[in-house]
Amino acid sequence: MAGKMWAGRFTKEVDERVNDFNSSISFDARMYRYDIEGSMAHATMLGECGIIEKHESEKIVQGLKGILADIDEGKLQFDPTAEDVHMFVEAELTKRLGDTGKRLHTARSRNDQVALDVRMILRAETKEIIELVKKLEHTILDIAEKNLTTVMPGYTHLQRAQPITFAHHLMAYANMLLRDISRLEDSYKRTNIMPLGSGALASTTYPINRQRVCDLLGFDEITQNSLDGVSDRDFCIELCSAISLLMMHLSRFSEEIILWCSWEFKFIELDDAYATGSSIMPQKKNPDVTELIRGKTGRVYGDLNTLLVMMKGLPLAYNKDMQEDKEAIFDAIDTVKLCLKTFDPMLATMRVIPENMRNAAAKGFINATDCADYLVKKGMPFRDAYKITGTLVHTCIEKGCTLETLPLEEYKKLTDNFDEDVYDAISLETCVMQRKAAGGPAPESVKAQIEYVRNKL
């Protein structure tokens, strides 16, 4: 049992299959930097508080710096037989410093050490995800600015409904992503709380200074209850929930891009660098990036469900079940980062086809609401105007024409309120340009939306 840090109580070697089952170094090794930085802060505090000799504290910090440098430079490889990254680092430190290295774990448990490392890595990952979302936001805003007057049909039930602009449509996603950033920032606040000093569950009898470690590591505050400090992973779940919502928005956007680049729509064309072909059909150009994002969204939802189910029945304090937190949250993080890094340049390089959007908007009677509004502005109750316009649409379908091409005499058969100016009122450009209400598709309104998001970013 000499190889195990927790040897002493046991008289038999652990079965090799249990070692393999228990080991987490294959996925928690990625936390090595945060484990070492946390240990350096802990050792510094131990020396300052006189819990260990100051010179030993300094020696430990230097030893940890050396281990960090060696791992970064590839001189030190992780031992796949080690139980976890925490034991690996401590064993390596002891190998280098002897008894001095063994003093590092004074006034600390692996339970609060793990909680610290997870919070530290999630802080860093959350910041990176936020920056990737911001980069995508700027790409969306740039495309929107170029398409303020690009008329396209807006949809409900996937049926053409009312005319909008491509910029207006894009800004819907810009606002969704803005809320995603806000959720990630909120999650960061509750992650940025320092648990070290909680011990295994009941803190420690040593006169430690938790606030000093908190300050050294840049946390906002310390956890207020030692049981809570080691036994909850709600911050992991909250981050995964925010990532899941972000993935949902990316998935919806991806679904629209899949539709838009199909021959049935042909509103956009993806750059060849972000599409694939078929092994048998030479004409195909497939939007695989967006399809994969759509599929990977379900994978992230699975990660969130894993975390929720893992935690739902655990009594206080720490339970080994909680080792399952890392693979799930790390997978969600890696997945959303990969999706963002691919989606952004795909969007930036796509070609918009305004004439196809305009042609689609000219069909489907999407100016019918404006026709009804024309009558309302002349004093007619909306429900009467609604019925008359519906009758006009039926007439157009029978005659094979549109509201724009229907002769004025057909309009006047239903009411004398119609005049030549109806054609100007129902033109697609008028329909869009007159929707100047805050949040609407008129160019000046969309410009304000773009400015709002840029200011928020």
Foldseek 3Di string as FASTA:
>chain_A
DVLDPPPDVDDDDDDPVVLLVQADAVQQVVLLVQLLLLLLLQLCQCCVLVVDPVVLSVVLNVLSVVVVVCVVVVVDDFDPSDRHSNSRSLVSSCVVVPPSSVCSCPQAAVLLSVLRSVLLVLLVLLVVLLVLLVLLLVLLLVVLVVWLQLWFFDDDPNAGAAIFIPSLVSLVLSVLSLVLSVLSVVLNLVSLARQTQLHPHNGDPDPTDSVSSSVSSVGPYYDDHSFVSRADDVSLLSNLVSLLSVLVSLLVVLVVVQVCVDPVQVQKHWDQVQWDADPPDRVDTHNVLSVVSNVCSVVSVVLSVLRCVLRVPDDIHDDSSCSVSRVSSVSSSVSSVVSSVSVRVRSSRMGGDSVSRVVNNQPNQNLLQLQLVLVVVVPDPSVLSNVLSVVVCVVCVVVVHYPLPPDVVVSVVSPPSDDPCSNVSSDSSNSQCVQQPQSGRRSVNSVVSSVVSVVSD
